[in-house]
C-alpha atoms as a PDB file:
ATOM      1  CA  MET A   1       8.809  14.147   3.476  1.00  0.00           C
ATOM      2  CA  ALA A   2       6.096  11.535   3.018  1.00  0.00           C
ATOM      3  CA  SER A   3       6.459   8.135   4.663  1.00  0.00           C
ATOM      4  CA  VAL A   4       5.581   4.955   2.807  1.00  0.00           C
ATOM      5  CA  LEU A   5       4.289   1.505   3.716  1.00  0.00           C
ATOM      6  CA  ILE A   6       4.516  -1.315   1.184  1.00  0.00           C
ATOM      7  CA  VAL A   7       2.262  -4.283   1.875  1.00  0.00           C
ATOM      8  CA  ASP A   8       3.124  -7.243  -0.338  1.00  0.00           C
ATOM      9  CA  ASP A   9       3.468 -10.946   0.349  1.00  0.00           C
ATOM     10  CA  GLU A  10       6.254 -11.221  -2.253  1.00  0.00           C
ATOM     11  CA  GLN A  11       9.334 -10.231  -0.277  1.00  0.00           C
ATOM     12  CA  GLU A  12      11.466  -9.505  -3.357  1.00  0.00           C
ATOM     13  CA  THR A  13       8.885  -7.073  -4.680  1.00  0.00           C
ATOM     14  CA  ALA A  14       8.503  -5.324  -1.328  1.00  0.00           C
ATOM     15  CA  ASP A  15      12.283  -5.132  -0.798  1.00  0.00           C
ATOM     16  CA  MET A  16      12.914  -3.689  -4.257  1.00  0.00           C
ATOM     17  CA  ILE A  17      10.271  -0.969  -3.859  1.00  0.00           C
ATOM     18  CA  LYS A  18      11.407  -0.210  -0.314  1.00  0.00           C
ATOM     19  CA  MET A  19      15.027   0.147  -1.488  1.00  0.00           C
ATOM     20  CA  SER A  20      13.930   2.616  -4.171  1.00  0.00           C
ATOM     21  CA  PHE A  21      12.112   4.769  -1.591  1.00  0.00           C
ATOM     22  CA  ASP A  22      15.008   4.478   0.858  1.00  0.00           C
ATOM     23  CA  MET A  23      17.424   5.696  -1.802  1.00  0.00           C
ATOM     24  CA  GLN A  24      15.236   8.756  -2.336  1.00  0.00           C
ATOM     25  CA  GLY A  25      15.220   9.505   1.403  1.00  0.00           C
ATOM     26  CA  PHE A  26      11.621   8.501   2.159  1.00  0.00           C
ATOM     27  CA  PRO A  27      10.959   6.798   5.500  1.00  0.00           C
ATOM     28  CA  CYS A  28       9.663   3.406   4.378  1.00  0.00           C
ATOM     29  CA  TRP A  29       8.405   0.158   5.907  1.00  0.00           C
ATOM     30  CA  ALA A  30       7.450  -3.178   4.368  1.00  0.00           C
ATOM     31  CA  ALA A  31       4.846  -5.604   5.655  1.00  0.00           C
ATOM     32  CA  ARG A  32       4.169  -9.093   4.307  1.00  0.00           C
ATOM     33  CA  ASN A  33       0.695  -9.673   5.754  1.00  0.00           C
ATOM     34  CA  SER A  34      -2.301  -7.882   7.231  1.00  0.00           C
ATOM     35  CA  ASP A  35      -1.222  -8.173  10.848  1.00  0.00           C
ATOM     36  CA  GLU A  36       2.178  -6.608  10.125  1.00  0.00           C
ATOM     37  CA  ALA A  37       0.554  -3.890   7.994  1.00  0.00           C
ATOM     38  CA  LEU A  38      -2.019  -2.905  10.624  1.00  0.00           C
ATOM     39  CA  LYS A  39       0.667  -2.795  13.300  1.00  0.00           C
ATOM     40  CA  VAL A  40       2.878  -0.476  11.250  1.00  0.00           C
ATOM     41  CA  MET A  41      -0.101   1.764  10.410  1.00  0.00           C
ATOM     42  CA  ALA A  42      -1.021   2.046  14.088  1.00  0.00           C
ATOM     43  CA  GLU A  43       2.556   2.875  15.166  1.00  0.00           C
ATOM     44  CA  GLN A  44       3.835   4.991  12.263  1.00  0.00           C
ATOM     45  CA  VAL A  45       0.783   6.309  10.331  1.00  0.00           C
ATOM     46  CA  PRO A  46       2.410   6.321   6.871  1.00  0.00           C
ATOM     47  CA  ASN A  47       1.305   8.972   4.349  1.00  0.00           C
ATOM     48  CA  LEU A  48       1.279   6.520   1.424  1.00  0.00           C
ATOM     49  CA  VAL A  49       0.269   2.874   1.560  1.00  0.00           C
ATOM     50  CA  LEU A  50       0.825   0.581  -1.411  1.00  0.00           C
ATOM     51  CA  LEU A  51      -1.501  -2.287  -0.629  1.00  0.00           C
ATOM     52  CA  ASP A  52      -1.331  -5.519  -2.634  1.00  0.00           C
ATOM     53  CA  LYS A  53      -4.835  -6.890  -3.256  1.00  0.00           C
ATOM     54  CA  ARG A  54      -3.787 -10.525  -2.873  1.00  0.00           C
ATOM     55  CA  LEU A  55      -1.850 -11.409   0.249  1.00  0.00           C
ATOM     56  CA  ASP A  56      -1.331 -15.181   0.307  1.00  0.00           C
ATOM     57  CA  GLY A  57      -1.228 -16.598   3.818  1.00  0.00           C
ATOM     58  CA  SER A  58      -2.581 -13.410   5.368  1.00  0.00           C
ATOM     59  CA  ARG A  59      -5.581 -13.071   7.658  1.00  0.00           C
ATOM     60  CA  LEU A  60      -6.961 -10.247   5.464  1.00  0.00           C
ATOM     61  CA  ASP A  61      -6.402  -9.402   1.816  1.00  0.00           C
ATOM     62  CA  GLY A  62      -5.750  -5.848   0.627  1.00  0.00           C
ATOM     63  CA  PHE A  63      -9.455  -5.032   0.511  1.00  0.00           C
ATOM     64  CA  GLY A  64      -9.890  -6.327   4.065  1.00  0.00           C
ATOM     65  CA  ILE A  65      -7.050  -4.132   5.308  1.00  0.00           C
ATOM     66  CA  LEU A  66      -8.529  -1.112   3.486  1.00  0.00           C
ATOM     67  CA  GLN A  67     -11.870  -1.742   5.202  1.00  0.00           C
ATOM     68  CA  GLU A  68     -10.233  -2.040   8.643  1.00  0.00           C
ATOM     69  CA  VAL A  69      -8.206   1.132   8.225  1.00  0.00           C
ATOM     70  CA  SER A  70     -11.229   3.036   6.893  1.00  0.00           C
ATOM     71  CA  LYS A  71     -12.830   2.635  10.338  1.00  0.00           C
ATOM     72  CA  LEU A  72      -9.923   4.433  12.029  1.00  0.00           C
ATOM     73  CA  SER A  73      -9.333   8.142  12.464  1.00  0.00           C
ATOM     74  CA  ILE A  74      -5.826   7.793  10.985  1.00  0.00           C
ATOM     75  CA  ARG A  75      -7.313   6.969   7.550  1.00  0.00           C
ATOM     76  CA  SER A  76      -7.578  10.657   6.683  1.00  0.00           C
ATOM     77  CA  LYS A  77      -3.789  10.978   7.023  1.00  0.00           C
ATOM     78  CA  MET A  78      -3.053   8.283   4.410  1.00  0.00           C
ATOM     79  CA  LYS A  79      -3.334   7.820   0.672  1.00  0.00           C
ATOM     80  CA  ILE A  80      -3.971   4.150  -0.006  1.00  0.00           C
ATOM     81  CA  TYR A  81      -3.407   2.598  -3.415  1.00  0.00           C
ATOM     82  CA  ILE A  82      -4.573  -0.922  -4.195  1.00  0.00           C
ATOM     83  CA  VAL A  83      -1.902  -2.789  -6.179  1.00  0.00           C
ATOM     84  CA  THR A  84      -2.542  -5.901  -8.262  1.00  0.00           C
ATOM     85  CA  GLY A  85      -0.806  -8.120 -10.740  1.00  0.00           C
ATOM     86  CA  TYR A  86      -4.177  -9.354 -11.967  1.00  0.00           C
ATOM     87  CA  PRO A  87      -5.998  -6.265 -13.243  1.00  0.00           C
ATOM     88  CA  ASP A  88      -9.648  -6.260 -14.133  1.00  0.00           C
ATOM     89  CA  GLU A  89     -12.485  -3.747 -14.101  1.00  0.00           C
ATOM     90  CA  GLU A  90     -14.222  -5.459 -11.183  1.00  0.00           C
ATOM     91  CA  THR A  91     -11.169  -5.176  -8.949  1.00  0.00           C
ATOM     92  CA  GLU A  92     -10.660  -1.508  -9.855  1.00  0.00           C
ATOM     93  CA  ALA A  93     -14.343  -0.755  -9.216  1.00  0.00           C
ATOM     94  CA  LYS A  94     -14.253  -2.500  -5.833  1.00  0.00           C
ATOM     95  CA  ALA A  95     -11.095  -0.592  -4.836  1.00  0.00           C
ATOM     96  CA  LYS A  96     -12.858   2.699  -5.582  1.00  0.00           C
ATOM     97  CA  GLU A  97     -16.032   1.560  -3.821  1.00  0.00           C
ATOM     98  CA  LEU A  98     -14.073   0.741  -0.674  1.00  0.00           C
ATOM     99  CA  GLY A  99     -12.385   4.153  -0.710  1.00  0.00           C
ATOM    100  CA  ALA A 100      -8.967   3.492  -2.189  1.00  0.00           C
ATOM    101  CA  ASP A 101      -7.244   6.647  -3.394  1.00  0.00           C
ATOM    102  CA  GLY A 102      -5.832   4.888  -6.421  1.00  0.00           C
ATOM    103  CA  TYR A 103      -5.313   1.635  -8.292  1.00  0.00           C
ATOM    104  CA  LEU A 104      -1.975   0.466  -9.678  1.00  0.00           C
ATOM    105  CA  VAL A 105      -1.023  -2.536 -11.820  1.00  0.00           C
ATOM    106  CA  LYS A 106       2.197  -4.509 -11.393  1.00  0.00           C
ATOM    107  CA  PRO A 107       4.911  -4.289 -12.427  1.00  0.00           C
ATOM    108  CA  LEU A 108       4.950  -0.977 -10.625  1.00  0.00           C
ATOM    109  CA  PRO A 109       6.775   1.885 -12.335  1.00  0.00           C
ATOM    110  CA  ILE A 110       9.143   3.110  -9.587  1.00  0.00           C
ATOM    111  CA  ASN A 111       9.331   6.633 -11.033  1.00  0.00           C
ATOM    112  CA  LYS A 112       5.538   6.965 -10.797  1.00  0.00           C
ATOM    113  CA  LEU A 113       5.558   5.733  -7.182  1.00  0.00           C
ATOM    114  CA  ILE A 114       8.239   8.286  -6.267  1.00  0.00           C
ATOM    115  CA  GLU A 115       6.194  11.039  -7.959  1.00  0.00           C
ATOM    116  CA  ILE A 116       3.113  10.062  -5.958  1.00  0.00           C
ATOM    117  CA  ALA A 117       5.090  10.153  -2.720  1.00  0.00           C
ATOM    118  CA  LYS A 118       6.643  13.513  -3.542  1.00  0.00           C
ATOM    119  CA  SER A 119       3.199  14.978  -4.204  1.00  0.00           C
ATOM    120  CA  LEU A 120       2.087  14.228  -0.634  1.00  0.00           C
END
């Protein structure tokens, strides 16, 4: 079964999504900033990463984390989706340019997230 990392500075959002994955039996972690996210990725190597573009109070934003992870050999083991509550064509284009596997707009449809995880 695929493992999931949720990276979101909004704890309620991360907790709600994590609870949904937990209820479906997926191993799941939540990180609130770039340092926590990179630590989890190094220790657990999740199969699916839901990476919020904006991470207030974080050293790196979602794009910065994506760039850091793209330098590592573990990147090939992960599907990384950029998540945003502020969609625009420029953000989506940049996500693709940086190598994101997908782009999702909040509010996130939990059923779709579960389907993505099950497909891995």
